[in-house]
Amino acid sequence: SLKDAMSQVHKLDTAQAVLRGLAPHTAMVGVGSPGLPIAVGYGHYLKYVGRPAVAGGADPTTVKRYGAIFSKLDAWCVSSGITFWNQFSDETLDSYLAWLDGEGYEYATEYMEGTTIKQCVSYLIKSGHLPAHCAVTRSLPKPQGTNTYCYTGDEVQAMIELCDNDPELNWLADVIVGLSHTGMRISEFASLTWSDIDLKDDVIVLTHKG
C-alpha cells in the first residue's frame, strides 16, 4: 500500500541520515538499527585477534594494547556522535587522527592506531559484520626513522662493568648481556624458560605465553 511504501521510505531516509551523521542515533528509535555498534564491532575483532596461538592469534599483550586503542576510539566516537561502524569512513578516520595529533600523540602512535582501526574494519567486512561499501581505504604512510635511542658498544660495556662491580647489580649485568646480544624485548627476555633455550645448538625459541 501507499502507506507502507511511505513508511519504508521514511525508515530509509532516517537510516541514511544517521549513517552520514546528519541525525542523532536516537532518531532510529522505533525505526530499526542502521548498523553495527562501535563496541560490538571491535569486540568481534578483539575476539578474533585473541584466538588461540595455534590458529594464528596474537599474544595477550597485543590484545590488551588493541583493547586500549579501541577504548580510546569508543570514547571519541561517543563525543563525536558516531554510534555505528557503518558511519565510519576515510573522513572519520582523518578526524580521529587529527584529534590524536591535537592531543600530542607521536606519529608512530597515530600510525599504529589508524592501521589497527583499518584492520578492524577490514575484518568486520570479511566476516560479514559490515557491508563492503563500509571499507576504510585511507592510505597511512609508515613512519620513517625512529627516535628510539640505540646504545653504543662502549656504553653497553660500561653498564656491564658498573653492574659487575656492584654485588647487588650482578644480576643486571647478565640481563644487559642477554638483551644486547639477542635483541629481545625485556618482556620476552624475562619470560624465558629453560625449555626455550637449546644450549646444544645455541638457539633461543620465543613462544607465546598465556
N, C-alpha and C. Protein backbone atom coordinates (compact mmCIF):
# COMPACT_ATOMS: atom_id res chain seq x y z
N SER A 1 0.84 -1.19 0.00
CA SER A 1 0.00 0.00 0.00
C SER A 1 0.89 1.25 0.00
N LEU A 2 0.26 2.38 -0.36
CA LEU A 2 1.00 3.64 -0.38
C LEU A 2 1.50 3.99 1.02
N LYS A 3 0.71 3.68 2.04
CA LYS A 3 1.09 3.98 3.42
C LYS A 3 2.34 3.20 3.82
N ASP A 4 2.38 1.91 3.48
CA ASP A 4 3.55 1.08 3.81
C ASP A 4 4.78 1.56 3.06
N ALA A 5 4.57 1.93 1.80
CA ALA A 5 5.70 2.40 0.99
C ALA A 5 6.28 3.68 1.57
N MET A 6 5.42 4.60 1.98
CA MET A 6 5.88 5.85 2.58
C MET A 6 6.62 5.59 3.88
N SER A 7 6.14 4.57 4.65
CA SER A 7 6.80 4.23 5.92
C SER A 7 8.20 3.71 5.67
N GLN A 8 8.36 2.86 4.64
CA GLN A 8 9.67 2.31 4.32
C GLN A 8 10.63 3.40 3.84
N VAL A 9 10.09 4.35 3.06
CA VAL A 9 10.91 5.46 2.58
C VAL A 9 11.40 6.30 3.77
N HIS A 10 10.50 6.52 4.73
CA HIS A 10 10.87 7.29 5.93
C HIS A 10 11.97 6.57 6.71
N LYS A 11 11.87 5.24 6.85
CA LYS A 11 12.89 4.47 7.57
C LYS A 11 14.23 4.57 6.85
N LEU A 12 14.17 4.46 5.52
CA LEU A 12 15.41 4.53 4.74
C LEU A 12 16.06 5.90 4.86
N ASP A 13 15.25 6.95 4.77
CA ASP A 13 15.78 8.31 4.90
C ASP A 13 16.41 8.53 6.26
N THR A 14 15.74 8.04 7.31
CA THR A 14 16.26 8.20 8.67
C THR A 14 17.56 7.45 8.85
N ALA A 15 17.60 6.21 8.36
CA ALA A 15 18.81 5.40 8.48
C ALA A 15 19.98 6.05 7.77
N GLN A 16 19.76 6.55 6.56
CA GLN A 16 20.82 7.20 5.80
C GLN A 16 21.31 8.47 6.49
N ALA A 17 20.38 9.21 7.09
CA ALA A 17 20.76 10.44 7.80
C ALA A 17 21.63 10.12 9.00
N VAL A 18 21.31 9.04 9.72
CA VAL A 18 22.10 8.64 10.89
C VAL A 18 23.48 8.15 10.44
N LEU A 19 23.51 7.34 9.38
CA LEU A 19 24.77 6.80 8.89
C LEU A 19 25.72 7.90 8.43
N ARG A 20 25.19 9.00 7.95
CA ARG A 20 26.01 10.10 7.45
C ARG A 20 26.24 11.19 8.49
N GLY A 21 25.77 10.91 9.73
CA GLY A 21 25.99 11.86 10.80
C GLY A 21 25.12 13.10 10.72
N LEU A 22 24.05 13.02 9.92
CA LEU A 22 23.16 14.18 9.77
C LEU A 22 22.02 14.16 10.78
N ALA A 23 21.91 13.06 11.52
CA ALA A 23 20.87 12.94 12.55
C ALA A 23 21.41 12.09 13.68
N PRO A 24 21.00 12.34 14.92
CA PRO A 24 21.48 11.54 16.05
C PRO A 24 20.96 10.12 15.97
N HIS A 25 21.72 9.16 16.58
CA HIS A 25 21.28 7.78 16.51
C HIS A 25 19.94 7.56 17.20
N THR A 26 19.57 8.46 18.11
CA THR A 26 18.29 8.33 18.79
C THR A 26 17.12 8.45 17.82
N ALA A 27 17.39 9.01 16.63
CA ALA A 27 16.33 9.14 15.64
C ALA A 27 15.88 7.78 15.13
N MET A 28 16.70 6.73 15.39
CA MET A 28 16.36 5.40 14.91
C MET A 28 15.46 4.63 15.85
N VAL A 29 15.16 5.20 17.03
CA VAL A 29 14.27 4.52 17.98
C VAL A 29 12.93 4.26 17.31
N GLY A 30 12.56 3.00 17.29
CA GLY A 30 11.29 2.63 16.69
C GLY A 30 11.38 2.45 15.19
N VAL A 31 12.55 2.71 14.60
CA VAL A 31 12.71 2.58 13.16
C VAL A 31 13.52 1.34 12.80
N GLY A 32 14.43 0.96 13.68
CA GLY A 32 15.28 -0.19 13.41
C GLY A 32 16.74 0.22 13.42
N SER A 33 17.63 -0.71 13.71
CA SER A 33 19.06 -0.40 13.80
C SER A 33 19.68 -0.22 12.42
N PRO A 34 20.44 0.86 12.23
CA PRO A 34 21.05 1.10 10.92
C PRO A 34 22.42 0.46 10.75
N GLY A 35 22.95 -0.20 11.76
CA GLY A 35 24.28 -0.77 11.58
C GLY A 35 24.85 -1.44 12.80
N LEU A 36 26.17 -1.63 12.75
CA LEU A 36 26.91 -2.35 13.78
C LEU A 36 27.45 -1.38 14.82
N PRO A 37 27.03 -1.50 16.08
CA PRO A 37 27.52 -0.60 17.14
C PRO A 37 29.05 -0.68 17.27
N ILE A 38 29.68 0.44 17.59
CA ILE A 38 31.14 0.51 17.68
C ILE A 38 31.70 -0.55 18.62
N ALA A 39 31.19 -0.62 19.86
CA ALA A 39 31.73 -1.56 20.84
C ALA A 39 31.52 -3.01 20.42
N VAL A 40 30.38 -3.31 19.83
CA VAL A 40 30.10 -4.67 19.38
C VAL A 40 31.08 -5.06 18.28
N GLY A 41 31.34 -4.12 17.36
CA GLY A 41 32.24 -4.39 16.25
C GLY A 41 33.66 -4.69 16.69
N TYR A 42 34.23 -3.81 17.53
CA TYR A 42 35.61 -4.07 17.94
C TYR A 42 35.69 -5.23 18.92
N GLY A 43 34.55 -5.56 19.55
CA GLY A 43 34.51 -6.76 20.39
C GLY A 43 34.71 -8.01 19.54
N HIS A 44 34.07 -8.04 18.37
CA HIS A 44 34.26 -9.15 17.43
C HIS A 44 35.73 -9.25 17.00
N TYR A 45 36.32 -8.08 16.72
CA TYR A 45 37.70 -8.07 16.24
C TYR A 45 38.68 -8.52 17.32
N LEU A 46 38.49 -8.05 18.55
CA LEU A 46 39.38 -8.44 19.64
C LEU A 46 39.29 -9.94 19.91
N LYS A 47 38.09 -10.48 19.76
CA LYS A 47 37.92 -11.94 19.94
C LYS A 47 38.69 -12.68 18.86
N TYR A 48 38.67 -12.13 17.65
CA TYR A 48 39.40 -12.75 16.55
C TYR A 48 40.91 -12.65 16.78
N VAL A 49 41.39 -11.48 17.17
CA VAL A 49 42.82 -11.28 17.42
C VAL A 49 43.30 -12.19 18.55
N GLY A 50 42.44 -12.41 19.55
CA GLY A 50 42.83 -13.21 20.70
C GLY A 50 42.57 -14.70 20.55
N ARG A 51 42.31 -15.15 19.33
CA ARG A 51 42.10 -16.58 19.11
C ARG A 51 43.37 -17.36 19.49
N PRO A 52 43.31 -18.69 19.65
CA PRO A 52 44.49 -19.46 20.07
C PRO A 52 45.69 -19.23 19.16
N ALA A 53 46.87 -19.25 19.76
CA ALA A 53 48.10 -19.01 19.00
C ALA A 53 48.26 -20.00 17.85
N VAL A 54 47.83 -21.24 18.06
CA VAL A 54 47.96 -22.25 17.01
C VAL A 54 47.12 -21.90 15.79
N ALA A 55 46.10 -21.05 15.99
CA ALA A 55 45.25 -20.61 14.88
C ALA A 55 45.71 -19.26 14.32
N GLY A 56 46.85 -18.77 14.82
CA GLY A 56 47.39 -17.51 14.32
C GLY A 56 47.06 -16.31 15.17
N GLY A 57 46.52 -16.52 16.37
CA GLY A 57 46.15 -15.42 17.25
C GLY A 57 47.36 -14.74 17.87
N ALA A 58 47.13 -13.51 18.35
CA ALA A 58 48.21 -12.73 18.96
C ALA A 58 48.33 -13.06 20.44
N ASP A 59 49.42 -12.62 21.05
CA ASP A 59 49.62 -12.85 22.49
C ASP A 59 48.74 -11.89 23.29
N PRO A 60 48.49 -12.20 24.56
CA PRO A 60 47.61 -11.37 25.40
C PRO A 60 48.03 -9.91 25.48
N THR A 61 49.35 -9.64 25.40
CA THR A 61 49.82 -8.26 25.47
C THR A 61 49.31 -7.45 24.28
N THR A 62 49.32 -8.06 23.11
CA THR A 62 48.84 -7.39 21.90
C THR A 62 47.34 -7.14 21.99
N VAL A 63 46.60 -8.13 22.46
CA VAL A 63 45.15 -7.99 22.61
C VAL A 63 44.83 -6.85 23.57
N LYS A 64 45.59 -6.77 24.66
CA LYS A 64 45.38 -5.71 25.64
C LYS A 64 45.69 -4.35 25.03
N ARG A 65 46.75 -4.26 24.24
CA ARG A 65 47.12 -3.00 23.59
C ARG A 65 46.04 -2.57 22.61
N TYR A 66 45.52 -3.50 21.83
CA TYR A 66 44.44 -3.19 20.90
C TYR A 66 43.19 -2.75 21.65
N GLY A 67 42.93 -3.40 22.79
CA GLY A 67 41.76 -3.04 23.59
C GLY A 67 41.83 -1.59 24.05
N ALA A 68 43.03 -1.15 24.43
CA ALA A 68 43.21 0.24 24.86
C ALA A 68 42.97 1.20 23.70
N ILE A 69 43.41 0.82 22.51
CA ILE A 69 43.19 1.65 21.32
C ILE A 69 41.70 1.84 21.07
N PHE A 70 40.95 0.74 21.12
CA PHE A 70 39.52 0.83 20.82
C PHE A 70 38.72 1.50 21.93
N SER A 71 39.18 1.39 23.16
CA SER A 71 38.50 2.10 24.25
C SER A 71 38.61 3.60 24.04
N LYS A 72 39.79 4.05 23.61
CA LYS A 72 40.00 5.47 23.32
C LYS A 72 39.14 5.91 22.14
N LEU A 73 39.12 5.07 21.10
CA LEU A 73 38.31 5.38 19.92
C LEU A 73 36.84 5.44 20.29
N ASP A 74 36.39 4.51 21.12
CA ASP A 74 34.99 4.45 21.53
C ASP A 74 34.57 5.74 22.22
N ALA A 75 35.42 6.23 23.12
CA ALA A 75 35.11 7.48 23.84
C ALA A 75 35.03 8.64 22.86
N TRP A 76 35.93 8.68 21.89
CA TRP A 76 35.92 9.75 20.90
C TRP A 76 34.65 9.68 20.04
N CYS A 77 34.27 8.46 19.67
CA CYS A 77 33.07 8.28 18.85
C CYS A 77 31.83 8.79 19.59
N VAL A 78 31.74 8.49 20.87
CA VAL A 78 30.59 8.95 21.67
C VAL A 78 30.53 10.47 21.65
N SER A 79 31.68 11.11 21.86
CA SER A 79 31.71 12.58 21.90
C SER A 79 31.47 13.19 20.52
N SER A 80 31.68 12.40 19.47
CA SER A 80 31.53 12.90 18.11
C SER A 80 30.20 12.49 17.47
N GLY A 81 29.35 11.81 18.25
CA GLY A 81 28.05 11.41 17.73
C GLY A 81 28.09 10.25 16.77
N ILE A 82 29.15 9.44 16.84
CA ILE A 82 29.28 8.27 15.96
C ILE A 82 28.94 7.02 16.76
N THR A 83 27.91 6.33 16.35
CA THR A 83 27.42 5.18 17.10
C THR A 83 27.70 3.85 16.41
N PHE A 84 27.75 3.87 15.08
CA PHE A 84 27.87 2.63 14.33
C PHE A 84 29.11 2.63 13.42
N TRP A 85 29.68 1.44 13.21
CA TRP A 85 30.80 1.30 12.29
C TRP A 85 30.37 1.69 10.88
N ASN A 86 29.10 1.53 10.57
CA ASN A 86 28.60 1.90 9.24
C ASN A 86 28.77 3.38 8.97
N GLN A 87 28.93 4.18 10.03
CA GLN A 87 29.13 5.62 9.87
C GLN A 87 30.60 5.95 9.59
N PHE A 88 31.48 4.97 9.84
CA PHE A 88 32.91 5.23 9.73
C PHE A 88 33.31 5.34 8.26
N SER A 89 34.25 6.22 7.98
CA SER A 89 34.71 6.46 6.61
C SER A 89 36.15 6.97 6.66
N ASP A 90 36.72 7.20 5.48
CA ASP A 90 38.07 7.78 5.44
C ASP A 90 38.10 9.12 6.17
N GLU A 91 37.04 9.91 5.98
CA GLU A 91 36.98 11.22 6.62
C GLU A 91 36.88 11.10 8.14
N THR A 92 36.16 10.08 8.60
CA THR A 92 36.04 9.85 10.04
C THR A 92 37.40 9.50 10.63
N LEU A 93 38.14 8.64 9.92
CA LEU A 93 39.47 8.27 10.38
C LEU A 93 40.38 9.49 10.41
N ASP A 94 40.27 10.34 9.39
CA ASP A 94 41.06 11.58 9.36
C ASP A 94 40.78 12.43 10.60
N SER A 95 39.50 12.54 10.94
CA SER A 95 39.11 13.37 12.09
C SER A 95 39.67 12.79 13.38
N TYR A 96 39.62 11.48 13.51
CA TYR A 96 40.13 10.84 14.73
C TYR A 96 41.65 11.03 14.84
N LEU A 97 42.35 10.83 13.73
CA LEU A 97 43.81 11.01 13.74
C LEU A 97 44.18 12.46 14.02
N ALA A 98 43.37 13.39 13.51
CA ALA A 98 43.62 14.81 13.79
C ALA A 98 43.44 15.09 15.28
N TRP A 99 42.46 14.43 15.89
CA TRP A 99 42.25 14.59 17.33
C TRP A 99 43.44 14.05 18.11
N LEU A 100 43.94 12.87 17.70
CA LEU A 100 45.13 12.31 18.35
C LEU A 100 46.30 13.26 18.23
N ASP A 101 46.44 13.86 17.05
CA ASP A 101 47.53 14.80 16.81
C ASP A 101 47.41 16.01 17.75
N GLY A 102 46.18 16.49 17.89
CA GLY A 102 45.94 17.62 18.77
C GLY A 102 46.19 17.31 20.23
N GLU A 103 46.07 16.02 20.58
CA GLU A 103 46.32 15.59 21.95
C GLU A 103 47.81 15.35 22.23
N GLY A 104 48.63 15.53 21.19
CA GLY A 104 50.08 15.41 21.38
C GLY A 104 50.65 14.03 21.16
N TYR A 105 49.90 13.12 20.53
CA TYR A 105 50.43 11.77 20.29
C TYR A 105 51.48 11.80 19.18
N GLU A 106 52.45 10.89 19.28
CA GLU A 106 53.51 10.81 18.28
C GLU A 106 52.99 10.20 16.98
N TYR A 107 53.69 10.49 15.89
CA TYR A 107 53.29 9.97 14.58
C TYR A 107 53.18 8.45 14.59
N ALA A 108 54.17 7.78 15.21
CA ALA A 108 54.17 6.32 15.23
C ALA A 108 52.93 5.77 15.93
N THR A 109 52.51 6.44 17.00
CA THR A 109 51.31 6.01 17.72
C THR A 109 50.07 6.21 16.85
N GLU A 110 49.99 7.36 16.20
CA GLU A 110 48.85 7.64 15.33
C GLU A 110 48.79 6.62 14.18
N TYR A 111 49.95 6.28 13.64
CA TYR A 111 50.00 5.30 12.55
C TYR A 111 49.51 3.94 13.04
N MET A 112 49.99 3.51 14.20
CA MET A 112 49.59 2.21 14.73
C MET A 112 48.08 2.17 14.99
N GLU A 113 47.54 3.23 15.59
CA GLU A 113 46.11 3.24 15.90
C GLU A 113 45.27 3.29 14.63
N GLY A 114 45.69 4.12 13.67
CA GLY A 114 44.96 4.20 12.41
C GLY A 114 44.97 2.88 11.67
N THR A 115 46.12 2.23 11.66
CA THR A 115 46.26 0.94 10.98
C THR A 115 45.42 -0.12 11.67
N THR A 116 45.39 -0.11 12.99
CA THR A 116 44.60 -1.08 13.75
C THR A 116 43.11 -0.90 13.44
N ILE A 117 42.65 0.34 13.37
CA ILE A 117 41.25 0.61 13.05
C ILE A 117 40.92 0.11 11.65
N LYS A 118 41.80 0.36 10.69
CA LYS A 118 41.59 -0.11 9.33
C LYS A 118 41.53 -1.64 9.28
N GLN A 119 42.39 -2.30 10.03
CA GLN A 119 42.39 -3.76 10.08
C GLN A 119 41.09 -4.29 10.68
N CYS A 120 40.60 -3.58 11.68
CA CYS A 120 39.34 -3.97 12.31
C CYS A 120 38.20 -3.89 11.30
N VAL A 121 38.11 -2.78 10.59
CA VAL A 121 37.04 -2.62 9.60
C VAL A 121 37.15 -3.68 8.51
N SER A 122 38.38 -3.95 8.07
CA SER A 122 38.59 -4.98 7.05
C SER A 122 38.10 -6.34 7.52
N TYR A 123 38.42 -6.66 8.79
CA TYR A 123 37.97 -7.95 9.34
C TYR A 123 36.44 -8.00 9.42
N LEU A 124 35.84 -6.91 9.87
CA LEU A 124 34.38 -6.89 10.02
C LEU A 124 33.68 -7.07 8.67
N ILE A 125 34.30 -6.58 7.62
CA ILE A 125 33.74 -6.76 6.28
C ILE A 125 33.92 -8.20 5.82
N LYS A 126 35.12 -8.73 5.99
CA LYS A 126 35.40 -10.10 5.56
C LYS A 126 34.56 -11.13 6.32
N SER A 127 34.26 -10.82 7.58
CA SER A 127 33.50 -11.77 8.40
C SER A 127 31.99 -11.57 8.26
N GLY A 128 31.59 -10.62 7.43
CA GLY A 128 30.16 -10.42 7.18
C GLY A 128 29.44 -9.53 8.16
N HIS A 129 30.17 -8.88 9.05
CA HIS A 129 29.53 -7.99 10.03
C HIS A 129 29.23 -6.61 9.44
N LEU A 130 29.97 -6.25 8.38
CA LEU A 130 29.77 -4.96 7.71
C LEU A 130 29.68 -5.18 6.21
N PRO A 131 28.93 -4.36 5.49
CA PRO A 131 28.89 -4.44 4.03
C PRO A 131 30.18 -3.91 3.43
N ALA A 132 30.49 -4.34 2.23
CA ALA A 132 31.76 -3.98 1.59
C ALA A 132 31.93 -2.49 1.39
N HIS A 133 30.83 -1.75 1.21
CA HIS A 133 30.95 -0.32 0.95
C HIS A 133 31.41 0.47 2.18
N CYS A 134 31.53 -0.20 3.33
CA CYS A 134 31.99 0.47 4.55
C CYS A 134 33.52 0.44 4.70
N ALA A 135 34.22 -0.05 3.68
CA ALA A 135 35.68 -0.16 3.75
C ALA A 135 36.33 1.21 3.98
N VAL A 136 37.37 1.23 4.82
CA VAL A 136 38.17 2.43 5.06
C VAL A 136 39.46 2.24 4.28
N THR A 137 39.67 3.07 3.27
CA THR A 137 40.78 2.87 2.34
C THR A 137 41.89 3.92 2.46
N ARG A 138 41.78 4.82 3.43
CA ARG A 138 42.78 5.87 3.57
C ARG A 138 44.18 5.29 3.72
N SER A 139 45.11 5.76 2.88
CA SER A 139 46.50 5.30 2.94
C SER A 139 47.24 6.04 4.05
N LEU A 140 47.95 5.29 4.90
CA LEU A 140 48.70 5.89 6.01
C LEU A 140 50.18 5.62 5.81
N PRO A 141 50.96 6.63 5.47
CA PRO A 141 52.41 6.44 5.27
C PRO A 141 53.09 5.95 6.54
N LYS A 142 53.94 4.96 6.40
CA LYS A 142 54.66 4.43 7.55
C LYS A 142 55.63 5.48 8.09
N PRO A 143 55.82 5.49 9.42
CA PRO A 143 56.79 6.43 9.99
C PRO A 143 58.19 6.12 9.50
N GLN A 144 58.95 7.15 9.21
CA GLN A 144 60.32 7.00 8.73
C GLN A 144 61.29 7.27 9.87
N GLY A 145 62.26 6.37 10.03
CA GLY A 145 63.26 6.54 11.08
C GLY A 145 62.66 6.23 12.45
N THR A 146 63.41 6.51 13.47
CA THR A 146 62.96 6.25 14.84
C THR A 146 63.64 7.21 15.80
N ASN A 147 62.95 7.53 16.89
CA ASN A 147 63.56 8.37 17.92
C ASN A 147 64.01 7.52 19.12
N THR A 148 64.02 6.19 18.91
CA THR A 148 64.48 5.28 19.96
C THR A 148 66.00 5.33 20.05
N TYR A 149 66.51 5.54 21.24
CA TYR A 149 67.97 5.65 21.41
C TYR A 149 68.62 4.27 21.33
N CYS A 150 69.70 4.18 20.62
CA CYS A 150 70.45 2.92 20.49
C CYS A 150 71.81 3.09 21.16
N TYR A 151 72.06 2.28 22.18
CA TYR A 151 73.32 2.38 22.91
C TYR A 151 74.50 1.91 22.06
N THR A 152 75.64 2.56 22.21
CA THR A 152 76.85 2.15 21.51
C THR A 152 77.47 0.97 22.26
N GLY A 153 78.40 0.30 21.59
CA GLY A 153 79.09 -0.83 22.22
C GLY A 153 79.83 -0.41 23.48
N ASP A 154 80.45 0.76 23.44
CA ASP A 154 81.19 1.25 24.62
C ASP A 154 80.24 1.51 25.79
N GLU A 155 79.06 2.05 25.49
CA GLU A 155 78.08 2.34 26.55
C GLU A 155 77.57 1.05 27.18
N VAL A 156 77.32 0.05 26.34
CA VAL A 156 76.86 -1.25 26.86
C VAL A 156 77.93 -1.86 27.75
N GLN A 157 79.18 -1.81 27.30
CA GLN A 157 80.29 -2.37 28.08
C GLN A 157 80.44 -1.64 29.41
N ALA A 158 80.28 -0.32 29.41
CA ALA A 158 80.38 0.46 30.64
C ALA A 158 79.29 0.08 31.63
N MET A 159 78.07 -0.15 31.13
CA MET A 159 76.96 -0.55 32.02
C MET A 159 77.22 -1.92 32.62
N ILE A 160 77.76 -2.83 31.80
CA ILE A 160 78.05 -4.19 32.30
C ILE A 160 79.12 -4.15 33.38
N GLU A 161 80.18 -3.36 33.15
CA GLU A 161 81.26 -3.26 34.14
C GLU A 161 80.77 -2.62 35.44
N LEU A 162 79.91 -1.62 35.31
CA LEU A 162 79.35 -0.98 36.51
C LEU A 162 78.56 -1.98 37.34
N CYS A 163 77.76 -2.80 36.68
CA CYS A 163 76.95 -3.79 37.40
C CYS A 163 77.81 -4.91 37.96
N ASP A 164 78.85 -5.29 37.23
CA ASP A 164 79.74 -6.35 37.71
C ASP A 164 80.47 -5.93 38.98
N ASN A 165 80.72 -4.64 39.13
CA ASN A 165 81.46 -4.14 40.30
C ASN A 165 80.57 -3.90 41.51
N ASP A 166 79.28 -4.11 41.35
CA ASP A 166 78.33 -3.94 42.46
C ASP A 166 77.61 -5.26 42.68
N PRO A 167 77.90 -5.96 43.81
CA PRO A 167 77.29 -7.28 44.07
C PRO A 167 75.78 -7.28 43.97
N GLU A 168 75.16 -6.15 44.30
CA GLU A 168 73.71 -6.10 44.25
C GLU A 168 73.18 -5.94 42.83
N LEU A 169 74.07 -5.64 41.88
CA LEU A 169 73.63 -5.44 40.49
C LEU A 169 74.23 -6.47 39.53
N ASN A 170 74.87 -7.51 40.09
CA ASN A 170 75.46 -8.53 39.22
C ASN A 170 74.41 -9.15 38.29
N TRP A 171 73.21 -9.33 38.82
CA TRP A 171 72.13 -9.94 38.02
C TRP A 171 71.78 -9.06 36.81
N LEU A 172 71.87 -7.73 37.01
CA LEU A 172 71.52 -6.80 35.94
C LEU A 172 72.55 -6.86 34.82
N ALA A 173 73.80 -7.17 35.16
CA ALA A 173 74.83 -7.32 34.13
C ALA A 173 74.45 -8.45 33.19
N ASP A 174 73.95 -9.54 33.76
CA ASP A 174 73.53 -10.69 32.93
C ASP A 174 72.36 -10.31 32.03
N VAL A 175 71.44 -9.51 32.57
CA VAL A 175 70.29 -9.07 31.77
C VAL A 175 70.74 -8.21 30.60
N ILE A 176 71.66 -7.28 30.86
CA ILE A 176 72.15 -6.40 29.81
C ILE A 176 72.87 -7.20 28.71
N VAL A 177 73.67 -8.19 29.13
CA VAL A 177 74.35 -9.04 28.16
C VAL A 177 73.32 -9.77 27.30
N GLY A 178 72.30 -10.32 27.95
CA GLY A 178 71.27 -11.06 27.22
C GLY A 178 70.52 -10.20 26.23
N LEU A 179 70.11 -9.01 26.66
CA LEU A 179 69.34 -8.12 25.80
C LEU A 179 70.19 -7.60 24.63
N SER A 180 71.43 -7.23 24.92
CA SER A 180 72.27 -6.64 23.88
C SER A 180 72.74 -7.65 22.85
N HIS A 181 72.78 -8.92 23.22
CA HIS A 181 73.26 -9.95 22.29
C HIS A 181 72.13 -10.67 21.55
N THR A 182 70.89 -10.49 21.98
CA THR A 182 69.78 -11.19 21.32
C THR A 182 68.81 -10.25 20.63
N GLY A 183 68.72 -9.00 21.10
CA GLY A 183 67.75 -8.08 20.51
C GLY A 183 66.34 -8.30 21.02
N MET A 184 66.19 -9.14 22.04
CA MET A 184 64.86 -9.40 22.58
C MET A 184 64.32 -8.20 23.36
N ARG A 185 63.00 -8.11 23.44
CA ARG A 185 62.38 -7.14 24.33
C ARG A 185 62.56 -7.62 25.76
N ILE A 186 62.45 -6.68 26.71
CA ILE A 186 62.61 -7.04 28.12
C ILE A 186 61.57 -8.08 28.52
N SER A 187 60.32 -7.89 28.06
CA SER A 187 59.25 -8.82 28.42
C SER A 187 59.54 -10.22 27.89
N GLU A 188 60.12 -10.30 26.68
CA GLU A 188 60.45 -11.61 26.11
C GLU A 188 61.58 -12.26 26.89
N PHE A 189 62.60 -11.47 27.22
CA PHE A 189 63.74 -12.00 27.96
C PHE A 189 63.32 -12.49 29.35
N ALA A 190 62.47 -11.70 30.01
CA ALA A 190 62.05 -12.03 31.37
C ALA A 190 61.15 -13.27 31.43
N SER A 191 60.49 -13.58 30.32
CA SER A 191 59.56 -14.71 30.33
C SER A 191 60.19 -16.01 29.83
N LEU A 192 61.50 -15.98 29.53
CA LEU A 192 62.17 -17.19 29.04
C LEU A 192 62.17 -18.29 30.09
N THR A 193 62.04 -19.52 29.63
CA THR A 193 62.16 -20.70 30.49
C THR A 193 63.24 -21.60 29.89
N TRP A 194 63.68 -22.58 30.66
CA TRP A 194 64.74 -23.46 30.17
C TRP A 194 64.32 -24.20 28.92
N SER A 195 63.03 -24.46 28.78
CA SER A 195 62.56 -25.18 27.59
C SER A 195 62.68 -24.34 26.32
N ASP A 196 62.86 -23.01 26.48
CA ASP A 196 63.02 -22.14 25.32
C ASP A 196 64.47 -22.09 24.82
N ILE A 197 65.38 -22.63 25.61
CA ILE A 197 66.81 -22.48 25.32
C ILE A 197 67.43 -23.81 24.93
N ASP A 198 68.06 -23.84 23.76
CA ASP A 198 68.76 -25.03 23.27
C ASP A 198 70.26 -24.76 23.32
N LEU A 199 70.91 -25.19 24.40
CA LEU A 199 72.33 -24.93 24.58
C LEU A 199 73.18 -25.70 23.58
N LYS A 200 72.68 -26.82 23.10
CA LYS A 200 73.44 -27.63 22.14
C LYS A 200 73.63 -26.89 20.83
N ASP A 201 72.56 -26.30 20.34
CA ASP A 201 72.62 -25.59 19.06
C ASP A 201 72.71 -24.07 19.21
N ASP A 202 72.81 -23.60 20.47
CA ASP A 202 72.89 -22.16 20.74
C ASP A 202 71.71 -21.41 20.12
N VAL A 203 70.51 -21.90 20.41
CA VAL A 203 69.29 -21.31 19.85
C VAL A 203 68.31 -20.99 20.97
N ILE A 204 67.66 -19.84 20.88
CA ILE A 204 66.57 -19.47 21.78
C ILE A 204 65.29 -19.41 20.96
N VAL A 205 64.27 -20.11 21.39
CA VAL A 205 62.99 -20.14 20.69
C VAL A 205 61.97 -19.35 21.48
N LEU A 206 61.46 -18.26 20.89
CA LEU A 206 60.44 -17.46 21.56
C LEU A 206 59.07 -18.06 21.29
N THR A 207 58.31 -18.26 22.33
CA THR A 207 56.97 -18.84 22.20
C THR A 207 55.96 -17.93 22.88
N HIS A 208 54.69 -17.97 22.40
CA HIS A 208 53.64 -17.22 23.05
C HIS A 208 53.35 -17.84 24.40
N LYS A 209 53.21 -17.00 25.40
CA LYS A 209 52.89 -17.49 26.74
C LYS A 209 51.62 -16.81 27.21
N GLY A 210 50.66 -17.61 27.68
CA GLY A 210 49.39 -17.04 28.12
C GLY A 210 49.49 -16.41 29.47
